[in-house]
Amino acid sequence: MTLTEFDKYINSFLKKEDYAADISLNGIQIQNSAPDSKEIKKIAFAVDACKETAELAVKEGADVLFVHHGLFWGRCQTVTGSLYERLSSFIKNDLALCAYHIPLDANNPYGNNYGLAKRINLENCTEFGLWRGMKIGVKGELPSEMTVEELAKKILRPESLPRILKFGKEKIRTVGIISGGASEEVKDAIDEGLDCYITGEFEHADFHVAKEMGINVISGGHYETETVGVSLVMEKVQKELGLECTFLEVPTNL
């Protein structure tokens, strides 16, 4: 399988064309020396494209790095400083980069949000959370009531350090999820009358909104909540394409 074929395969289910408002330049961000002919033997997966993940991918013998957070965000940039360091790590090693941002947040079933929903067996799931005219999250009902602490243990890995804001009901049933940096979207959860809102980063500006409106919040970490989608895509690639894959764990604890 070539790089071009791999990206077509990824886009066959992540469908970047359905998220035109996403400025993240989804798809191939850095090609290799022969995208239409060089055979891919190994793919590395990570949350972020950076110098460290690029160098780890090279060390692992990967031909492609697939990430959630790429290097380009819809604006012109000079290739200096940190961006130069990152790009040079890819180009000098002939390492390709594929990045899928919002399509990997929103996808059902391989995205961050539906992946988190599956961990807690969320039922009656529907789209939730409007961002630039796109529904990117998921909401639903827990199979049974539980405390916010019990929910946090179910949805996040044991090594994670979630911040729990207990501003709502003692026992929760309805939940909304948007991974990553979706603090402001707590207002959508409030408007929907949900018992708990789960995101990655929760900002100071939204603390009092949540408190005053009486909603529980689990802030699981931007990195932690977005390890989910890349891991699910990796499992799919291994199963369907039979390619060797590796997940590069580079946590930020943020």
Protein backbone atom coordinates (compact mmCIF):
# COMPACT_ATOMS: atom_id res chain seq x y z
CA MET A 1 0.00 0.00 0.00
CA THR A 2 1.33 3.44 -0.96
CA LEU A 3 0.89 6.68 0.97
CA THR A 4 -1.73 7.90 -1.49
CA GLU A 5 -3.66 4.64 -1.15
CA PHE A 6 -3.39 4.76 2.65
CA ASP A 7 -4.82 8.27 2.82
CA LYS A 8 -7.69 7.30 0.51
CA TYR A 9 -8.42 4.36 2.80
CA ILE A 10 -8.41 6.59 5.92
CA ASN A 11 -10.62 9.17 4.27
CA SER A 12 -13.09 6.48 3.15
CA PHE A 13 -14.40 6.42 6.72
CA LEU A 14 -13.20 9.69 8.31
CA LYS A 15 -14.54 11.72 5.36
CA LYS A 16 -12.71 15.05 5.65
CA GLU A 17 -14.97 16.51 2.95
CA ASP A 18 -17.84 16.43 5.45
CA TYR A 19 -15.94 18.88 7.68
CA ALA A 20 -15.12 21.72 5.30
CA ALA A 21 -15.19 24.29 8.12
CA ASP A 22 -12.19 22.57 9.76
CA ILE A 23 -9.07 24.58 8.87
CA SER A 24 -6.72 21.83 9.99
CA LEU A 25 -5.63 20.68 6.51
CA ASN A 26 -6.76 17.12 7.04
CA GLY A 27 -5.09 14.34 5.09
CA ILE A 28 -1.49 14.11 3.92
CA GLN A 29 0.41 17.05 5.40
CA ILE A 30 3.90 15.86 4.47
CA GLN A 31 4.39 13.35 1.68
CA ASN A 32 7.27 10.93 1.32
CA SER A 33 9.66 10.80 -1.64
CA ALA A 34 7.34 8.60 -3.72
CA PRO A 35 3.73 8.81 -2.47
CA ASP A 36 2.33 6.83 -5.41
CA SER A 37 4.90 4.03 -5.51
CA LYS A 38 6.80 3.59 -2.22
CA GLU A 39 5.35 0.70 -0.24
CA ILE A 40 4.32 1.41 3.35
CA LYS A 41 5.44 -1.30 5.75
CA LYS A 42 4.87 0.27 9.17
CA ILE A 43 2.69 3.08 10.52
CA ALA A 44 3.15 4.96 13.79
CA PHE A 45 0.17 6.57 15.55
CA ALA A 46 0.26 9.48 18.01
CA VAL A 47 -1.89 12.31 19.29
CA ASP A 48 0.48 15.11 18.24
CA ALA A 49 2.86 15.76 15.38
CA CYS A 50 6.04 17.16 16.91
CA LYS A 51 9.78 16.60 16.78
CA GLU A 52 9.61 13.94 19.50
CA THR A 53 6.91 11.83 17.83
CA ALA A 54 8.63 12.15 14.44
CA GLU A 55 11.94 10.95 15.88
CA LEU A 56 10.24 8.12 17.78
CA ALA A 57 8.47 7.04 14.58
CA VAL A 58 11.80 6.96 12.74
CA LYS A 59 13.37 4.97 15.58
CA GLU A 60 10.49 2.47 15.33
CA GLY A 61 11.10 2.11 11.58
CA ALA A 62 7.76 3.65 10.57
CA ASP A 63 7.10 5.00 7.09
CA VAL A 64 4.12 7.14 8.09
CA LEU A 65 3.06 8.99 11.23
CA PHE A 66 -0.72 9.30 11.67
CA VAL A 67 -1.86 11.93 14.19
CA HIS A 68 -4.85 13.87 15.48
CA HIS A 69 -3.01 17.20 15.79
CA GLY A 70 -1.00 17.98 12.68
CA LEU A 71 1.47 20.77 11.93
CA PHE A 72 -0.69 23.15 9.90
CA TRP A 73 -3.76 25.07 10.98
CA GLY A 74 -4.96 26.99 7.94
CA ARG A 75 -2.61 29.94 7.99
CA CYS A 76 0.67 30.87 6.37
CA GLN A 77 3.70 30.13 8.55
CA THR A 78 7.41 30.79 8.19
CA VAL A 79 9.51 27.65 8.41
CA THR A 80 11.58 28.80 11.37
CA GLY A 81 12.09 27.83 15.00
CA SER A 82 9.94 24.96 16.24
CA LEU A 83 8.22 24.41 12.87
CA TYR A 84 11.61 24.05 11.15
CA GLU A 85 12.71 21.50 13.77
CA ARG A 86 9.53 19.50 13.27
CA LEU A 87 9.50 19.59 9.46
CA SER A 88 13.17 18.70 9.17
CA SER A 89 12.63 15.58 11.29
CA PHE A 90 10.07 14.35 8.75
CA ILE A 91 11.76 15.38 5.53
CA LYS A 92 15.32 14.25 6.27
CA ASN A 93 14.01 10.81 7.26
CA ASP A 94 11.49 10.50 4.39
CA LEU A 95 8.74 10.13 6.98
CA ALA A 96 5.22 10.99 5.80
CA LEU A 97 2.63 12.72 7.99
CA CYS A 98 -1.14 12.21 7.87
CA ALA A 99 -3.37 14.24 10.20
CA TYR A 100 -7.12 14.15 10.84
CA HIS A 101 -8.51 16.64 13.34
CA ILE A 102 -12.27 17.29 13.54
CA PRO A 103 -13.08 14.23 11.38
CA LEU A 104 -11.36 12.13 14.05
CA ASP A 105 -13.21 13.88 16.88
CA ALA A 106 -16.65 13.37 15.38
CA ASN A 107 -16.47 9.99 13.67
CA ASN A 108 -18.82 7.21 14.69
CA PRO A 109 -17.48 4.69 15.72
CA TYR A 110 -13.74 5.45 15.35
CA GLY A 111 -13.58 9.00 16.73
CA ASN A 112 -12.57 10.35 20.11
CA ASN A 113 -16.08 11.15 21.30
CA TYR A 114 -17.89 7.99 20.25
CA GLY A 115 -14.91 5.99 21.47
CA LEU A 116 -15.23 7.55 24.91
CA ALA A 117 -19.00 6.95 24.81
CA LYS A 118 -18.40 3.27 24.10
CA ARG A 119 -16.17 2.95 27.17
CA ILE A 120 -19.09 3.88 29.42
CA ASN A 121 -21.70 1.98 27.39
CA LEU A 122 -23.58 5.19 26.65
CA GLU A 123 -27.02 4.38 25.21
CA ASN A 124 -29.40 6.21 22.85
CA CYS A 125 -26.46 8.18 21.47
CA THR A 126 -27.09 11.20 19.26
CA GLU A 127 -24.96 14.03 17.88
CA PHE A 128 -24.21 16.86 20.28
CA GLY A 129 -22.26 20.10 20.43
CA LEU A 130 -22.24 22.57 17.54
CA TRP A 131 -18.83 23.87 16.39
CA ARG A 132 -18.64 26.05 13.28
CA GLY A 133 -21.94 24.62 12.13
CA MET A 134 -20.79 21.01 12.66
CA LYS A 135 -22.01 18.51 15.24
CA ILE A 136 -18.82 17.07 16.68
CA GLY A 137 -19.74 15.45 20.01
CA VAL A 138 -22.09 12.80 21.33
CA LYS A 139 -24.70 12.66 24.08
CA GLY A 140 -26.65 9.80 25.58
CA GLU A 141 -27.77 7.95 28.69
CA LEU A 142 -25.81 5.74 31.06
CA PRO A 143 -27.22 2.22 31.58
CA SER A 144 -27.69 3.09 35.26
CA GLU A 145 -27.11 6.04 37.54
CA MET A 146 -23.64 6.57 38.98
CA THR A 147 -21.59 9.24 40.70
CA VAL A 148 -19.32 11.53 38.72
CA GLU A 149 -16.29 9.87 40.36
CA GLU A 150 -17.46 6.44 39.22
CA LEU A 151 -17.96 7.76 35.70
CA ALA A 152 -14.47 9.28 35.56
CA LYS A 153 -12.92 5.93 36.50
CA LYS A 154 -14.83 4.20 33.71
CA ILE A 155 -14.07 6.65 30.93
CA LEU A 156 -10.38 7.39 31.55
CA ARG A 157 -7.27 5.25 31.87
CA PRO A 158 -6.06 4.57 35.43
CA GLU A 159 -2.93 6.69 34.94
CA SER A 160 -4.92 9.81 33.97
CA LEU A 161 -5.44 12.71 36.36
CA PRO A 162 -8.93 14.07 35.71
CA ARG A 163 -10.29 17.24 37.28
CA ILE A 164 -13.81 16.70 38.56
CA LEU A 165 -16.16 19.61 39.18
CA LYS A 166 -19.12 18.41 41.27
CA PHE A 167 -21.64 21.14 40.63
CA GLY A 168 -24.68 19.04 39.76
CA LYS A 169 -26.63 15.97 40.76
CA GLU A 170 -25.09 13.37 43.07
CA LYS A 171 -26.22 10.59 40.73
CA ILE A 172 -25.92 11.21 37.00
CA ARG A 173 -27.59 9.57 34.02
CA THR A 174 -27.31 11.86 30.97
CA VAL A 175 -23.89 12.75 29.57
CA GLY A 176 -22.43 14.89 26.79
CA ILE A 177 -18.90 14.36 25.44
CA ILE A 178 -16.58 16.55 23.37
CA SER A 179 -12.88 15.68 23.63
CA GLY A 180 -9.94 18.07 23.62
CA GLY A 181 -10.33 21.79 24.11
CA ALA A 182 -14.10 22.17 24.22
CA SER A 183 -14.60 23.99 27.49
CA GLU A 184 -17.05 26.58 26.17
CA GLU A 185 -19.34 23.86 24.85
CA VAL A 186 -20.40 23.16 28.43
CA LYS A 187 -23.10 25.69 27.58
CA ASP A 188 -24.49 23.24 25.01
CA ALA A 189 -24.64 20.57 27.72
CA ILE A 190 -26.47 23.02 30.00
CA ASP A 191 -28.94 23.91 27.23
CA GLU A 192 -29.58 20.18 26.69
CA GLY A 193 -30.25 19.69 30.41
CA LEU A 194 -27.51 17.06 30.76
CA ASP A 195 -26.28 15.84 34.14
CA CYS A 196 -22.59 15.74 33.24
CA TYR A 197 -20.27 17.16 30.61
CA ILE A 198 -16.99 15.44 29.67
CA THR A 199 -14.21 17.24 27.82
CA GLY A 200 -10.42 17.49 27.80
CA GLU A 201 -9.44 20.99 28.96
CA PHE A 202 -11.82 23.04 31.06
CA GLU A 203 -11.00 26.73 31.21
CA HIS A 204 -11.20 29.23 34.04
CA ALA A 205 -13.73 31.35 32.14
CA ASP A 206 -16.28 28.52 32.17
CA PHE A 207 -15.86 27.46 35.81
CA HIS A 208 -18.50 29.80 37.21
CA VAL A 209 -20.90 29.09 34.35
CA ALA A 210 -20.86 25.39 35.24
CA LYS A 211 -21.15 26.14 38.95
CA GLU A 212 -24.00 28.61 38.61
CA MET A 213 -25.95 26.37 36.25
CA GLY A 214 -25.40 23.25 38.37
CA ILE A 215 -23.74 20.81 35.96
CA ASN A 216 -21.05 18.23 36.74
CA VAL A 217 -17.88 18.39 34.64
CA ILE A 218 -15.11 15.88 34.06
CA SER A 219 -11.99 17.48 32.58
CA GLY A 220 -9.98 14.46 31.53
CA GLY A 221 -7.09 16.24 29.84
CA HIS A 222 -6.69 17.32 26.21
CA TYR A 223 -4.11 14.65 25.48
CA GLU A 224 -5.78 11.86 27.42
CA THR A 225 -9.22 12.26 25.84
CA GLU A 226 -7.68 12.29 22.37
CA THR A 227 -5.63 9.12 22.60
CA VAL A 228 -8.91 7.33 21.89
CA GLY A 229 -9.48 8.02 18.20
CA VAL A 230 -5.92 7.35 17.01
CA SER A 231 -5.95 4.07 18.96
CA LEU A 232 -9.23 2.98 17.37
CA VAL A 233 -7.98 3.86 13.87
CA MET A 234 -4.78 1.92 14.57
CA GLU A 235 -6.78 -1.16 15.54
CA LYS A 236 -8.84 -0.85 12.35
CA VAL A 237 -5.71 -0.52 10.19
CA GLN A 238 -4.10 -3.56 11.80
CA LYS A 239 -7.21 -5.66 11.34
CA GLU A 240 -8.20 -4.63 7.82
CA LEU A 241 -4.87 -3.84 6.16
CA GLY A 242 -2.56 -6.16 8.09
CA LEU A 243 0.11 -3.46 8.35
CA GLU A 244 2.51 -3.31 11.28
CA CYS A 245 1.50 -0.48 13.61
CA THR A 246 2.77 1.14 16.81
CA PHE A 247 1.30 3.72 19.17
CA LEU A 248 3.69 6.42 20.39
CA GLU A 249 2.81 7.53 23.91
CA VAL A 250 4.00 11.12 24.42
CA PRO A 251 1.75 12.53 27.14
CA THR A 252 1.63 16.23 27.96
CA ASN A 253 -0.39 15.82 31.18
CA LEU A 254 -2.51 18.73 29.97
